[in-house]
Amino acid sequence: TAFVMPTNCPVCDSHIERLADEAIARCSGGLFCSAQRKQAFLHFAQRRAVEVDGLGEKLIDQLVDSGVVSTLPDLYKIGLMTLVQLDRMAEKSAINILKALEASKNTTLPRFIYGLGIRHVGEATAKEFARHFGTLDGLINASEEALLQVDDVGPIVAQSVRTFFQQAHHQEIVAQLRACGLRW
């Protein structure tokens, strides 16, 4: 039997789209899709990004599925009692997660930029942006032309960064993460 590409996401039922120049088809649901939300949390918490020790796939699944977290800043608003009520989460483990979240607030600008999960922005590009602009606000406010001045940044990456930072919900997430105490 031939494989038929689904037209809707099996998780959130959003339309599946495939850009002409890409081999991969993607759910268009963005952070509305719980599967994409989970991946955003995993990406943010990984060692190469802001690094939240102990925040793995099973815990993220529980936090997202139970509605405890829906955006990245929600991670920093979790309380001890909320964590203790999750499956297989003893008080000591919950305390360790809270300590890891607190420790993750001290990061570097490249790790923070990478952790945001901007499409087409890997670790090396995040480092170049941090080096070139020096501040997050410098990157946020950069025009496409200014972004193109960064080493190894072409039109696709520049457009992706502009689109990311022009979206109100991304601006709000960055502002909330800063308000939660993330610093570099």
Protein backbone atom coordinates (compact mmCIF):
# COMPACT_ATOMS: atom_id res chain seq x y z
CA THR A 1 0.00 0.00 0.00
CA ALA A 2 1.20 3.49 -0.80
CA PHE A 3 1.82 6.02 1.93
CA VAL A 4 -0.62 8.91 1.85
CA MET A 5 0.55 12.16 3.41
CA PRO A 6 -1.99 13.37 5.95
CA THR A 7 -3.53 16.77 5.28
CA ASN A 8 -4.14 17.54 8.95
CA CYS A 9 -1.97 17.20 12.05
CA PRO A 10 -2.79 14.02 14.00
CA VAL A 11 -2.31 15.94 17.29
CA CYS A 12 -4.12 19.27 16.85
CA ASP A 13 -5.92 18.82 13.49
CA SER A 14 -4.29 21.94 12.01
CA HIS A 15 -3.51 21.96 8.29
CA ILE A 16 -0.23 20.32 7.22
CA GLU A 17 1.85 22.46 4.87
CA ARG A 18 4.94 21.77 2.82
CA LEU A 19 6.90 24.66 1.41
CA ALA A 20 8.06 24.21 -2.17
CA ASP A 21 11.76 24.37 -1.31
CA GLU A 22 11.58 22.00 1.68
CA ALA A 23 11.37 18.23 1.94
CA ILE A 24 9.54 18.24 5.27
CA ALA A 25 5.82 18.79 5.71
CA ARG A 26 4.90 20.64 8.92
CA CYS A 27 1.87 21.24 11.07
CA SER A 28 0.75 24.85 10.69
CA GLY A 29 -0.60 24.94 14.25
CA GLY A 30 2.52 26.43 15.82
CA LEU A 31 2.30 26.67 19.60
CA PHE A 32 -1.44 25.89 19.39
CA CYS A 33 -0.31 22.31 18.68
CA SER A 34 0.59 20.53 21.95
CA ALA A 35 3.22 18.42 20.14
CA GLN A 36 5.00 21.56 18.92
CA ARG A 37 4.66 23.17 22.36
CA LYS A 38 6.33 20.13 23.92
CA GLN A 39 9.19 20.34 21.42
CA ALA A 40 9.58 24.07 22.13
CA PHE A 41 9.97 23.31 25.86
CA LEU A 42 12.44 20.48 25.19
CA HIS A 43 14.46 22.72 22.87
CA PHE A 44 14.52 25.58 25.39
CA ALA A 45 15.50 23.33 28.31
CA GLN A 46 18.26 21.37 26.53
CA ARG A 47 21.89 21.64 27.61
CA ARG A 48 22.90 23.68 24.54
CA ALA A 49 20.14 26.25 25.17
CA VAL A 50 19.24 27.59 28.64
CA GLU A 51 19.71 24.15 30.27
CA VAL A 52 17.10 23.13 32.82
CA ASP A 53 18.57 20.00 34.36
CA GLY A 54 15.96 17.28 34.89
CA LEU A 55 13.30 18.82 32.65
CA GLY A 56 12.91 15.93 30.26
CA GLU A 57 10.33 14.62 27.85
CA LYS A 58 8.14 12.77 30.38
CA LEU A 59 7.91 15.74 32.72
CA ILE A 60 7.22 18.16 29.85
CA ASP A 61 4.49 15.81 28.57
CA GLN A 62 2.81 15.93 31.98
CA LEU A 63 3.16 19.69 32.36
CA VAL A 64 1.73 20.41 28.88
CA ASP A 65 -0.98 17.72 28.95
CA SER A 66 -2.22 18.87 32.36
CA GLY A 67 -2.29 22.52 31.24
CA VAL A 68 0.26 23.63 33.86
CA VAL A 69 2.43 25.23 31.16
CA SER A 70 1.51 26.59 27.76
CA THR A 71 4.30 29.13 27.16
CA LEU A 72 7.98 29.19 28.11
CA PRO A 73 7.54 31.75 30.92
CA ASP A 74 5.04 29.40 32.60
CA LEU A 75 8.00 27.17 33.50
CA TYR A 76 9.26 29.83 35.88
CA LYS A 77 5.86 30.20 37.56
CA ILE A 78 5.50 26.55 38.62
CA GLY A 79 5.20 25.99 42.34
CA LEU A 80 6.37 23.09 44.49
CA MET A 81 2.85 21.79 45.17
CA THR A 82 2.04 21.70 41.45
CA LEU A 83 5.13 19.61 40.74
CA VAL A 84 4.58 17.24 43.69
CA GLN A 85 1.09 16.42 42.38
CA LEU A 86 2.50 15.09 39.09
CA ASP A 87 3.04 11.36 38.51
CA ARG A 88 6.32 9.99 39.89
CA MET A 89 7.37 13.36 41.30
CA ALA A 90 8.58 13.19 44.88
CA GLU A 91 9.21 16.36 46.88
CA LYS A 92 12.99 16.05 46.54
CA SER A 93 12.72 15.72 42.74
CA ALA A 94 10.34 18.69 42.59
CA ILE A 95 12.77 20.80 44.66
CA ASN A 96 15.59 19.82 42.29
CA ILE A 97 13.51 20.91 39.27
CA LEU A 98 12.78 24.27 40.92
CA LYS A 99 16.49 24.72 41.69
CA ALA A 100 17.36 23.86 38.07
CA LEU A 101 14.81 26.38 36.81
CA GLU A 102 16.31 29.04 39.09
CA ALA A 103 19.85 28.17 37.91
CA SER A 104 18.76 28.35 34.26
CA LYS A 105 17.92 32.03 34.68
CA ASN A 106 21.65 32.78 34.47
CA THR A 107 22.44 32.02 30.86
CA THR A 108 24.28 33.57 27.93
CA LEU A 109 22.78 35.65 25.15
CA PRO A 110 23.64 33.06 22.45
CA ARG A 111 22.00 30.26 24.48
CA PHE A 112 18.91 32.38 25.08
CA ILE A 113 18.60 33.27 21.38
CA TYR A 114 19.06 29.62 20.42
CA GLY A 115 16.59 28.51 23.11
CA LEU A 116 13.83 30.67 21.62
CA GLY A 117 13.63 28.20 18.75
CA ILE A 118 13.65 30.70 15.91
CA ARG A 119 13.35 28.76 12.68
CA HIS A 120 16.67 28.39 10.81
CA VAL A 121 18.68 29.77 13.77
CA GLY A 122 21.09 27.17 15.11
CA GLU A 123 23.75 27.51 17.79
CA ALA A 124 26.40 29.02 15.50
CA THR A 125 24.00 31.61 14.09
CA ALA A 126 22.78 32.51 17.59
CA LYS A 127 26.41 33.12 18.60
CA GLU A 128 26.96 35.32 15.54
CA PHE A 129 23.82 37.35 16.32
CA ALA A 130 24.93 37.85 19.94
CA ARG A 131 28.43 38.86 18.84
CA HIS A 132 27.21 41.19 16.09
CA PHE A 133 24.38 42.96 17.95
CA GLY A 134 25.66 42.65 21.53
CA THR A 135 22.18 42.84 23.06
CA LEU A 136 18.87 41.08 22.65
CA ASP A 137 17.17 44.41 21.91
CA GLY A 138 19.71 45.03 19.16
CA LEU A 139 18.69 41.76 17.53
CA ILE A 140 14.96 42.25 18.14
CA ASN A 141 15.01 45.70 16.53
CA ALA A 142 17.36 44.83 13.65
CA SER A 143 16.07 45.35 10.14
CA GLU A 144 16.39 42.63 7.55
CA GLU A 145 19.24 44.62 6.00
CA ALA A 146 21.07 44.76 9.35
CA LEU A 147 20.55 41.02 9.86
CA LEU A 148 22.07 40.33 6.44
CA GLN A 149 25.29 42.03 7.62
CA VAL A 150 25.87 39.16 10.09
CA ASP A 151 28.33 36.46 8.97
CA ASP A 152 26.63 33.45 7.32
CA VAL A 153 23.15 35.01 7.45
CA GLY A 154 21.22 34.96 4.21
CA PRO A 155 17.75 36.14 3.22
CA ILE A 156 15.91 33.06 4.57
CA VAL A 157 17.41 33.38 8.06
CA ALA A 158 17.01 37.18 8.09
CA GLN A 159 13.34 36.87 7.10
CA SER A 160 12.77 34.16 9.71
CA VAL A 161 14.25 36.30 12.51
CA ARG A 162 12.25 39.40 11.47
CA THR A 163 9.04 37.37 11.28
CA PHE A 164 9.69 35.83 14.70
CA PHE A 165 10.28 39.13 16.49
CA GLN A 166 7.45 40.96 14.69
CA GLN A 167 4.87 38.56 16.14
CA ALA A 168 3.22 40.01 19.24
CA HIS A 169 3.09 36.68 21.08
CA HIS A 170 6.85 36.20 20.64
CA GLN A 171 7.48 39.73 21.92
CA GLU A 172 5.30 38.94 24.94
CA ILE A 173 7.13 35.66 25.63
CA VAL A 174 10.53 37.39 25.52
CA ALA A 175 9.25 40.17 27.81
CA GLN A 176 7.81 37.64 30.26
CA LEU A 177 11.02 35.56 30.28
CA ARG A 178 12.95 38.72 31.14
CA ALA A 179 10.38 39.55 33.85
CA CYS A 180 10.87 36.04 35.30
CA GLY A 181 14.52 36.94 35.83
CA LEU A 182 16.34 35.43 32.86
CA ARG A 183 19.57 37.32 32.34
CA TRP A 184 22.84 36.98 30.50
